[in-house]
Amino acid sequence: MYVQKLLNYLNPPYVVLLGDVGTGKSTLLEKLTEQRGKSSQANESFTRSSEVFWAPDGRLIVADTPGSNALKDTLEHNVQIAGALNYRPVSRIFIVVKAETRIDSVVDNVRKYADRFLELPMDVVGVLVTHMDIVDWTEKDFAPRIEHDLGIDSVVFSSMTTNRETLQNNILKTCTERHDLTVDDANFFKLFKIHNHHRKILKSTSDEVKRFSDKKRAFDEERKAFSGKDLVDLVFEFQAYMTDEIVEAQKRMSKTNNFTFEGDGAANEAGHIANMVNQLRMVLYDIRTECLGYQSEHGVSELRKCPHCGIIWTKVEGCEGATTCGNRPSNVNDVRDPAYAELGTFLFRWRDDGRLSITKFSRKTVKSQRSSRPQFGCGKSINWKEMATVAVPSEFSETVKVGTSDIKVLPPTATNFQKELSGKIDAVGRNLKLSERPSQSYQS
């Protein structure tokens, strides 16, 4: 216990307060840090830039950020939030929401932020509910709902009567880890929404999303004509095709709306493109999830150790009986199924009536011949069934997780804008200044 307290003293937890205008972030900051003049009753965001402050006892560092949904200067406000997330390892991002009469409304307010952070570590996001003195429901009513609906199990509550020490202690209880987060020009628009509500642009966004979803539905119908390994090959090729289609959708939308990603409108244009791509990524995620099912963990589901030399192996072909340490498979196994020797290739054609036509037009070899690389292993006799099992390292399961992080949110024509955005985010981090730690002796 003493060692942990000492470590927390030397490297105190850092939390970032994030949320809409008017939820009470700056009021929380005043309570936690005893700063004054940070909050406002204005309808627009009073906080213009991110700031970092010590708690009076030096056990916590808090970042206050502008409202993410500010009506004015939306890009600048969210760049400020990005800089705060990059400033130092984050123990907790608190989505600050105001208590409302209906719990469902509060959950929905949390969801619109939580859904953006799916690619961040699961345990970095928490919820801080303010104004608990104005509602009839209790902490016991809300906490199970937010965990059940959104999978968030770290919730802190605050009301007018909550004192600083109680609030800080409740926050510190959730700060068990530290995460090095990086928000840059590549993932900024996956986390923040900054586009306006221009009807024409939103209509073209809706058209592209519908077009993409319709292709997925048409594929689901036409695939019924295929089975076995042809179906597997088909699913893999379709996900590659749909990945390319996202790039084509970016081009079409940019052309339709005359996007140049230059000048004062560049941020709004980038925000609209990102809004579209983020919706397409959700459809692509479903397709890739199915592909993952065919990968069977890349053939690595069980590992065993040689009793003679200790080298760890996986079995990709053959029986579970006698063999030799280092005995190679006859061919390099295909990533989906070692029994497959060829990959079918398909042509997708979209008819005028909107239906999909799939034609298999060739096959290509996907297996390599036996490798001539140097032999590994001791060569002694082993029996697979009798060898000691070894737990599959987490790194293996990480390689087969479904993701769409490879999808670029913005097209190449936005390169100059992305460079400017990167410079702005870096500048915020450089400008954040933390005062000297409060002069208070460490208590064991």
Protein backbone atom coordinates (compact mmCIF):
# COMPACT_ATOMS: atom_id res chain seq x y z
CA MET A 1 0.00 0.00 0.00
CA TYR A 2 2.82 2.40 0.88
CA VAL A 3 4.64 1.66 -2.39
CA GLN A 4 1.48 2.28 -4.45
CA LYS A 5 0.84 5.58 -2.69
CA LEU A 6 4.41 6.63 -3.31
CA LEU A 7 4.15 5.76 -7.01
CA ASN A 8 0.90 7.72 -7.30
CA TYR A 9 2.54 10.66 -5.59
CA LEU A 10 5.54 10.62 -7.93
CA ASN A 11 3.32 10.12 -11.01
CA PRO A 12 -0.20 11.28 -10.10
CA PRO A 13 -3.22 10.23 -12.17
CA TYR A 14 -4.23 12.56 -15.01
CA VAL A 15 -7.91 12.84 -15.96
CA VAL A 16 -9.49 14.71 -18.87
CA LEU A 17 -12.99 16.16 -18.56
CA LEU A 18 -14.88 15.93 -21.85
CA GLY A 19 -18.45 16.74 -22.79
CA ASP A 20 -21.06 19.10 -24.20
CA VAL A 21 -21.35 22.79 -23.47
CA GLY A 22 -23.14 23.39 -20.18
CA THR A 23 -22.71 19.97 -18.58
CA GLY A 24 -20.65 21.39 -15.72
CA LYS A 25 -17.05 20.52 -16.64
CA SER A 26 -15.62 23.85 -15.51
CA THR A 27 -17.67 23.77 -12.31
CA LEU A 28 -16.18 20.36 -11.56
CA LEU A 29 -12.73 21.76 -12.25
CA GLU A 30 -13.31 24.61 -9.76
CA LYS A 31 -14.39 22.11 -7.12
CA LEU A 32 -11.50 19.70 -7.73
CA THR A 33 -8.71 22.28 -8.07
CA GLU A 34 -10.09 25.28 -6.12
CA GLN A 35 -9.56 27.44 -9.19
CA ARG A 36 -12.00 30.33 -9.61
CA GLY A 37 -13.65 32.05 -12.58
CA LYS A 38 -13.64 29.00 -14.86
CA SER A 39 -17.37 28.35 -15.07
CA SER A 40 -20.10 30.41 -16.73
CA GLN A 41 -23.86 30.39 -17.17
CA ALA A 42 -23.52 31.36 -20.85
CA ASN A 43 -25.24 29.31 -23.57
CA GLU A 44 -22.03 29.14 -25.59
CA SER A 45 -18.82 27.49 -24.46
CA PHE A 46 -17.07 29.70 -21.93
CA THR A 47 -13.92 27.56 -22.01
CA ARG A 48 -11.95 28.33 -25.17
CA SER A 49 -8.82 26.26 -24.60
CA SER A 50 -7.68 23.24 -22.64
CA GLU A 51 -6.00 23.88 -19.31
CA VAL A 52 -4.36 21.60 -16.76
CA PHE A 53 -4.37 22.07 -13.00
CA TRP A 54 -3.26 20.34 -9.81
CA ALA A 55 -5.64 19.26 -7.09
CA PRO A 56 -4.67 21.14 -3.90
CA ASP A 57 -3.13 18.03 -2.29
CA GLY A 58 -1.08 17.16 -5.40
CA ARG A 59 -2.72 13.72 -5.82
CA LEU A 60 -4.49 14.45 -9.10
CA ILE A 61 -4.02 16.45 -12.31
CA VAL A 62 -7.18 17.58 -14.10
CA ALA A 63 -7.61 18.85 -17.67
CA ASP A 64 -10.55 21.13 -18.46
CA THR A 65 -11.54 21.21 -22.13
CA PRO A 66 -13.93 23.27 -24.31
CA GLY A 67 -17.38 21.92 -25.13
CA SER A 68 -17.03 19.43 -27.99
CA ASN A 69 -20.40 20.50 -29.44
CA ALA A 70 -19.73 24.26 -29.39
CA LEU A 71 -21.67 26.18 -32.03
CA LYS A 72 -18.67 28.33 -32.91
CA ASP A 73 -15.01 27.42 -33.50
CA THR A 74 -15.85 23.71 -33.46
CA LEU A 75 -12.55 22.62 -35.03
CA GLU A 76 -10.47 24.71 -32.65
CA HIS A 77 -12.35 23.40 -29.61
CA ASN A 78 -11.86 19.77 -30.58
CA VAL A 79 -8.20 20.36 -31.41
CA GLN A 80 -7.87 21.65 -27.86
CA ILE A 81 -9.38 18.39 -26.57
CA ALA A 82 -7.00 16.35 -28.74
CA GLY A 83 -4.04 18.26 -27.32
CA ALA A 84 -5.22 17.52 -23.78
CA LEU A 85 -5.44 13.79 -24.53
CA ASN A 86 -1.88 13.86 -25.90
CA TYR A 87 -0.45 15.93 -23.06
CA ARG A 88 0.57 13.05 -20.78
CA PRO A 89 -0.51 9.45 -20.03
CA VAL A 90 -4.24 9.49 -19.29
CA SER A 91 -5.72 7.58 -16.38
CA ARG A 92 -9.31 8.35 -17.27
CA ILE A 93 -11.32 10.26 -19.87
CA PHE A 94 -14.49 11.34 -18.09
CA ILE A 95 -17.52 11.93 -20.29
CA VAL A 96 -19.27 14.62 -18.27
CA VAL A 97 -23.07 14.55 -18.59
CA LYS A 98 -25.80 16.44 -16.77
CA ALA A 99 -28.41 14.43 -14.89
CA GLU A 100 -31.85 14.64 -16.52
CA THR A 101 -35.30 13.47 -15.51
CA ARG A 102 -35.13 10.47 -17.87
CA ILE A 103 -32.18 8.13 -17.40
CA ASP A 104 -32.47 7.13 -21.07
CA SER A 105 -31.60 10.69 -22.10
CA VAL A 106 -28.44 10.63 -19.99
CA VAL A 107 -27.41 7.26 -21.41
CA ASP A 108 -27.90 8.61 -24.95
CA ASN A 109 -25.74 11.64 -24.14
CA VAL A 110 -22.97 9.31 -22.97
CA ARG A 111 -23.37 7.05 -26.01
CA LYS A 112 -22.65 9.76 -28.58
CA TYR A 113 -19.19 10.19 -27.05
CA ALA A 114 -18.51 6.60 -26.02
CA ASP A 115 -19.15 5.32 -29.56
CA ARG A 116 -16.35 7.54 -30.85
CA PHE A 117 -13.80 6.02 -28.50
CA LEU A 118 -14.24 2.37 -29.48
CA GLU A 119 -10.67 2.24 -30.82
CA LEU A 120 -9.22 3.53 -27.55
CA PRO A 121 -8.49 1.19 -24.60
CA MET A 122 -11.76 0.01 -23.10
CA ASP A 123 -10.90 0.98 -19.52
CA VAL A 124 -9.86 4.58 -20.28
CA VAL A 125 -13.43 5.90 -20.62
CA GLY A 126 -15.55 6.73 -17.59
CA VAL A 127 -18.69 8.77 -16.89
CA LEU A 128 -19.10 11.68 -14.50
CA VAL A 129 -22.72 12.66 -13.86
CA THR A 130 -23.33 16.17 -12.55
CA HIS A 131 -26.44 17.85 -11.06
CA MET A 132 -27.52 14.71 -9.23
CA ASP A 133 -29.45 16.90 -6.76
CA ILE A 134 -32.08 17.76 -9.41
CA VAL A 135 -33.28 14.21 -10.19
CA ASP A 136 -35.19 11.54 -8.31
CA TRP A 137 -33.26 8.50 -9.55
CA THR A 138 -30.14 7.35 -7.71
CA GLU A 139 -26.63 6.14 -8.44
CA LYS A 140 -27.86 2.56 -8.03
CA ASP A 141 -30.40 3.16 -10.79
CA PHE A 142 -27.90 4.57 -13.29
CA ALA A 143 -24.67 2.56 -12.87
CA PRO A 144 -26.12 -0.83 -13.92
CA ARG A 145 -27.79 0.76 -16.97
CA ILE A 146 -24.62 2.38 -18.28
CA GLU A 147 -22.66 -0.84 -17.79
CA HIS A 148 -25.32 -2.97 -19.45
CA ASP A 149 -25.92 -0.63 -22.41
CA LEU A 150 -22.41 0.68 -23.07
CA GLY A 151 -20.03 -1.55 -21.12
CA ILE A 152 -18.73 1.33 -18.99
CA ASP A 153 -18.23 0.34 -15.37
CA SER A 154 -16.51 3.48 -14.03
CA VAL A 155 -19.10 6.07 -13.00
CA VAL A 156 -18.68 9.00 -10.61
CA PHE A 157 -21.54 11.20 -9.41
CA SER A 158 -21.56 14.81 -8.27
CA SER A 159 -24.12 17.21 -6.83
CA MET A 160 -24.04 20.67 -5.30
CA THR A 161 -23.39 19.14 -1.87
CA THR A 162 -20.54 16.83 -2.94
CA ASN A 163 -17.36 18.18 -1.37
CA ARG A 164 -13.97 18.28 -3.05
CA GLU A 165 -12.39 15.48 -1.06
CA THR A 166 -15.25 13.04 -1.69
CA LEU A 167 -15.32 13.84 -5.40
CA GLN A 168 -11.57 13.49 -5.75
CA ASN A 169 -11.43 10.20 -3.85
CA ASN A 170 -14.20 8.75 -6.02
CA ILE A 171 -12.28 9.76 -9.13
CA LEU A 172 -9.00 8.34 -7.84
CA LYS A 173 -10.65 4.97 -7.21
CA THR A 174 -11.18 4.64 -10.97
CA CYS A 175 -7.61 5.62 -11.89
CA THR A 176 -5.90 2.22 -11.84
CA GLU A 177 -4.10 2.41 -15.20
CA ARG A 178 -2.31 4.95 -17.40
CA HIS A 179 -2.70 5.05 -21.17
CA ASP A 180 -0.46 6.73 -23.73
CA LEU A 181 -3.04 8.09 -26.16
CA THR A 182 -2.21 9.63 -29.51
CA VAL A 183 -4.68 11.80 -31.37
CA ASP A 184 -3.29 12.95 -34.72
CA ASP A 185 -4.48 13.98 -38.15
CA ALA A 186 -5.09 10.31 -39.04
CA ASN A 187 -7.60 9.49 -36.29
CA PHE A 188 -8.85 12.95 -35.28
CA PHE A 189 -12.05 12.70 -37.32
CA LYS A 190 -12.79 9.25 -35.95
CA LEU A 191 -13.06 10.80 -32.49
CA PHE A 192 -14.58 14.21 -33.15
CA LYS A 193 -17.52 15.39 -35.26
CA ILE A 194 -17.14 18.92 -36.58
CA HIS A 195 -19.29 19.09 -39.73
CA ASN A 196 -22.28 21.40 -40.07
CA HIS A 197 -25.83 20.41 -41.00
CA HIS A 198 -25.89 21.50 -44.64
CA ARG A 199 -28.86 19.63 -46.11
CA LYS A 200 -27.39 19.05 -49.56
CA ILE A 201 -24.17 17.59 -48.18
CA LEU A 202 -26.00 15.43 -45.65
CA LYS A 203 -28.20 14.16 -48.49
CA SER A 204 -25.16 13.09 -50.53
CA THR A 205 -23.76 11.44 -47.40
CA SER A 206 -27.00 9.53 -46.94
CA ASP A 207 -26.95 8.49 -50.61
CA GLU A 208 -23.43 7.08 -50.35
CA VAL A 209 -24.20 5.19 -47.13
CA LYS A 210 -27.36 3.74 -48.71
CA ARG A 211 -25.44 2.76 -51.83
CA PHE A 212 -22.80 1.00 -49.73
CA SER A 213 -25.38 -0.77 -47.57
CA ASP A 214 -27.39 -1.80 -50.63
CA LYS A 215 -24.30 -3.47 -52.07
CA LYS A 216 -23.86 -5.43 -48.86
CA ARG A 217 -27.50 -6.55 -48.94
CA ALA A 218 -27.25 -7.49 -52.63
CA PHE A 219 -24.13 -9.50 -51.90
CA ASP A 220 -25.84 -11.35 -49.05
CA GLU A 221 -28.55 -12.39 -51.51
CA GLU A 222 -26.30 -13.42 -54.42
CA ARG A 223 -23.82 -15.31 -52.25
CA LYS A 224 -26.46 -17.97 -51.67
CA ALA A 225 -25.47 -19.43 -55.04
CA PHE A 226 -21.99 -20.30 -53.72
CA SER A 227 -20.80 -22.81 -51.15
CA GLY A 228 -17.69 -24.42 -49.72
CA LYS A 229 -14.34 -22.84 -50.44
CA ASP A 230 -15.80 -20.78 -53.28
CA LEU A 231 -17.93 -19.01 -50.69
CA VAL A 232 -14.90 -18.40 -48.49
CA ASP A 233 -12.93 -16.95 -51.41
CA LEU A 234 -15.92 -14.86 -52.38
CA VAL A 235 -16.29 -13.30 -48.92
CA PHE A 236 -12.61 -12.37 -48.83
CA GLU A 237 -12.73 -10.77 -52.26
CA PHE A 238 -15.90 -8.87 -51.44
CA GLN A 239 -14.39 -7.32 -48.32
CA ALA A 240 -11.41 -6.19 -50.43
CA TYR A 241 -13.80 -4.78 -53.03
CA MET A 242 -15.81 -2.89 -50.40
CA THR A 243 -12.63 -1.51 -48.87
CA ASP A 244 -11.77 -0.01 -52.27
CA GLU A 245 -15.34 1.25 -52.60
CA ILE A 246 -14.82 3.55 -49.60
CA VAL A 247 -12.11 5.37 -51.55
CA GLU A 248 -14.46 5.68 -54.53
CA ALA A 249 -17.20 7.04 -52.26
CA GLN A 250 -14.80 9.72 -50.99
CA LYS A 251 -14.06 10.76 -54.57
CA ARG A 252 -17.74 10.90 -55.56
CA MET A 253 -18.78 12.91 -52.54
CA SER A 254 -15.91 15.36 -52.97
CA LYS A 255 -16.83 15.88 -56.63
CA THR A 256 -20.58 16.19 -55.96
CA ASN A 257 -20.06 18.90 -53.33
CA ASN A 258 -17.03 20.62 -54.91
CA PHE A 259 -14.83 19.90 -51.90
CA THR A 260 -11.32 21.35 -52.22
CA PHE A 261 -10.20 21.04 -48.55
CA GLU A 262 -8.76 24.53 -48.79
CA GLY A 263 -9.58 27.81 -47.11
CA ASP A 264 -12.09 28.48 -44.34
CA GLY A 265 -14.37 25.61 -45.35
CA ALA A 266 -11.71 22.90 -45.28
CA ALA A 267 -12.50 21.68 -41.77
CA ASN A 268 -16.22 21.41 -42.48
CA GLU A 269 -15.57 19.53 -45.74
CA ALA A 270 -13.21 17.14 -43.97
CA GLY A 271 -15.80 16.64 -41.24
CA HIS A 272 -18.48 15.68 -43.75
CA ILE A 273 -16.22 13.20 -45.54
CA ALA A 274 -15.24 11.69 -42.20
CA ASN A 275 -18.90 11.45 -41.17
CA MET A 276 -19.61 9.41 -44.28
CA VAL A 277 -16.54 7.17 -43.96
CA ASN A 278 -17.21 6.44 -40.31
CA GLN A 279 -20.67 5.14 -41.28
CA LEU A 280 -19.22 3.03 -44.09
CA ARG A 281 -16.65 1.60 -41.71
CA MET A 282 -19.45 0.15 -39.57
CA VAL A 283 -20.77 -1.80 -42.57
CA LEU A 284 -17.27 -2.93 -43.50
CA TYR A 285 -16.74 -4.06 -39.90
CA ASP A 286 -19.56 -6.60 -40.29
CA ILE A 287 -18.01 -7.96 -43.49
CA ARG A 288 -14.58 -8.30 -41.89
CA THR A 289 -16.09 -10.02 -38.87
CA GLU A 290 -17.28 -12.79 -41.16
CA CYS A 291 -13.86 -13.02 -42.79
CA LEU A 292 -12.32 -13.45 -39.37
CA GLY A 293 -14.48 -16.49 -38.80
CA TYR A 294 -12.82 -18.16 -41.81
CA GLN A 295 -9.33 -17.31 -40.62
CA SER A 296 -9.57 -19.62 -37.61
CA GLU A 297 -7.03 -17.60 -35.65
CA HIS A 298 -4.46 -17.96 -38.44
CA GLY A 299 -4.16 -21.65 -37.60
CA VAL A 300 -2.74 -20.89 -34.14
CA SER A 301 -5.15 -22.32 -31.61
CA GLU A 302 -2.85 -24.61 -29.64
CA LEU A 303 0.85 -24.48 -28.82
CA ARG A 304 3.07 -27.24 -27.39
CA LYS A 305 6.65 -27.37 -26.17
CA CYS A 306 9.35 -29.82 -27.29
CA PRO A 307 10.44 -31.85 -24.22
CA HIS A 308 14.04 -31.96 -25.51
CA CYS A 309 14.95 -28.41 -26.62
CA GLY A 310 12.01 -26.36 -25.31
CA ILE A 311 11.07 -24.79 -28.67
CA ILE A 312 7.33 -24.05 -28.90
CA TRP A 313 5.38 -25.27 -31.95
CA THR A 314 1.91 -25.23 -33.44
CA LYS A 315 0.57 -28.07 -35.63
CA VAL A 316 -0.66 -27.03 -39.07
CA GLU A 317 -1.00 -30.47 -40.71
CA GLY A 318 -0.69 -34.15 -39.94
CA CYS A 319 -1.84 -36.34 -37.08
CA GLU A 320 -1.36 -35.87 -33.35
CA GLY A 321 1.07 -38.77 -32.98
CA ALA A 322 4.80 -39.26 -33.54
CA THR A 323 6.91 -36.80 -35.54
CA THR A 324 10.19 -34.92 -35.13
CA CYS A 325 10.90 -31.53 -33.60
CA GLY A 326 11.05 -29.00 -36.43
CA ASN A 327 9.32 -31.13 -39.05
CA ARG A 328 7.97 -28.65 -41.58
CA PRO A 329 4.59 -28.87 -43.37
CA SER A 330 4.66 -29.94 -46.99
CA ASN A 331 3.34 -26.52 -48.04
CA VAL A 332 2.98 -23.11 -46.44
CA ASN A 333 -0.57 -23.12 -45.15
CA ASP A 334 -3.11 -20.67 -46.50
CA VAL A 335 -4.15 -18.08 -43.89
CA ARG A 336 -7.75 -19.27 -44.02
CA ASP A 337 -7.55 -23.04 -44.34
CA PRO A 338 -4.46 -25.20 -44.93
CA ALA A 339 -6.54 -27.54 -47.12
CA TYR A 340 -7.03 -24.86 -49.79
CA ALA A 341 -4.54 -24.73 -52.63
CA GLU A 342 -6.20 -22.15 -54.88
CA LEU A 343 -8.01 -18.88 -54.46
CA GLY A 344 -11.01 -18.19 -56.64
CA THR A 345 -11.23 -14.67 -58.08
CA PHE A 346 -14.54 -13.02 -58.85
CA LEU A 347 -15.94 -10.18 -60.88
CA PHE A 348 -18.67 -7.99 -59.37
CA ARG A 349 -21.04 -6.28 -61.82
CA TRP A 350 -23.91 -4.00 -60.82
CA ARG A 351 -26.87 -4.11 -63.19
CA ASP A 352 -29.12 -1.17 -64.00
CA ASP A 353 -31.82 -2.58 -61.74
CA GLY A 354 -29.44 -2.40 -58.79
CA ARG A 355 -28.89 -6.14 -58.54
CA LEU A 356 -25.47 -7.71 -58.25
CA SER A 357 -23.99 -10.21 -60.68
CA ILE A 358 -21.06 -12.33 -59.43
CA THR A 359 -18.88 -14.23 -61.88
CA LYS A 360 -15.95 -16.48 -60.98
CA PHE A 361 -13.49 -15.92 -63.81
CA SER A 362 -10.16 -17.42 -62.71
CA ARG A 363 -8.21 -19.13 -59.95
CA LYS A 364 -4.75 -18.43 -58.60
CA THR A 365 -2.40 -20.50 -56.48
CA VAL A 366 -2.07 -19.33 -52.90
CA LYS A 367 0.21 -22.04 -51.50
CA SER A 368 3.96 -21.82 -51.60
CA GLN A 369 6.20 -24.82 -52.00
CA ARG A 370 8.14 -26.25 -49.12
CA SER A 371 10.53 -23.63 -47.79
CA SER A 372 14.28 -23.98 -48.28
CA ARG A 373 15.04 -21.92 -45.17
CA PRO A 374 17.32 -23.43 -42.51
CA GLN A 375 15.75 -26.14 -40.36
CA PHE A 376 14.70 -25.19 -36.82
CA GLY A 377 14.21 -27.58 -33.93
CA CYS A 378 16.40 -30.30 -32.48
CA GLY A 379 15.17 -33.04 -34.83
CA LYS A 380 14.50 -35.51 -32.01
CA SER A 381 11.44 -37.72 -31.89
CA ILE A 382 8.36 -36.19 -30.27
CA ASN A 383 4.71 -37.12 -29.85
CA TRP A 384 2.29 -34.21 -30.25
CA LYS A 385 -0.29 -35.59 -27.81
CA GLU A 386 2.31 -36.12 -25.11
CA MET A 387 3.96 -32.68 -25.39
CA ALA A 388 3.24 -30.07 -22.71
CA THR A 389 0.71 -27.43 -23.81
CA VAL A 390 1.60 -23.72 -23.71
CA ALA A 391 -0.87 -20.85 -23.41
CA VAL A 392 -1.36 -18.89 -26.63
CA PRO A 393 0.15 -15.42 -26.03
CA SER A 394 -2.18 -12.45 -26.19
CA GLU A 395 -0.16 -11.13 -29.15
CA PHE A 396 -1.59 -13.92 -31.32
CA SER A 397 -5.20 -13.06 -30.52
CA GLU A 398 -4.42 -9.39 -31.09
CA THR A 399 -3.48 -10.15 -34.69
CA VAL A 400 -6.90 -11.52 -35.53
CA LYS A 401 -9.08 -8.85 -33.99
CA VAL A 402 -11.55 -7.25 -36.33
CA GLY A 403 -10.81 -3.64 -37.07
CA THR A 404 -11.13 -0.85 -39.60
CA SER A 405 -8.30 1.34 -38.36
CA ASP A 406 -6.56 0.89 -41.72
CA ILE A 407 -9.30 2.85 -43.47
CA LYS A 408 -8.18 6.41 -44.14
CA VAL A 409 -10.90 8.83 -43.19
CA LEU A 410 -9.81 11.58 -45.58
CA PRO A 411 -8.84 11.35 -49.28
CA PRO A 412 -5.39 12.26 -50.66
CA THR A 413 -6.75 15.65 -51.80
CA ALA A 414 -6.98 16.65 -48.12
CA THR A 415 -3.26 16.10 -47.47
CA ASN A 416 -2.44 19.78 -46.98
CA PHE A 417 -5.33 20.23 -44.58
CA GLN A 418 -4.18 17.20 -42.59
CA LYS A 419 -0.69 18.68 -42.26
CA GLU A 420 -2.17 21.92 -40.92
CA LEU A 421 -4.35 19.97 -38.51
CA SER A 422 -1.35 18.00 -37.26
CA GLY A 423 0.50 21.23 -36.57
CA LYS A 424 -2.44 22.66 -34.62
CA ILE A 425 -2.75 19.57 -32.41
CA ASP A 426 0.99 19.61 -31.66
CA ALA A 427 0.84 23.32 -30.82
CA VAL A 428 -1.87 22.75 -28.19
CA GLY A 429 0.29 20.15 -26.46
CA ARG A 430 3.26 22.52 -26.40
CA ASN A 431 1.17 25.34 -24.97
CA LEU A 432 -0.29 23.35 -22.09
CA LYS A 433 1.50 24.39 -18.92
CA LEU A 434 1.18 22.79 -15.52
CA SER A 435 2.16 24.91 -12.54
CA GLU A 436 4.48 23.69 -9.82
CA ARG A 437 3.12 20.97 -7.63
CA PRO A 438 1.37 22.25 -4.50
CA SER A 439 3.76 22.33 -1.57
CA GLN A 440 2.30 19.61 0.59
CA SER A 441 4.32 16.87 2.27
CA TYR A 442 3.66 13.28 1.27
CA GLN A 443 1.62 11.37 3.83
CA SER A 444 2.01 7.58 4.09
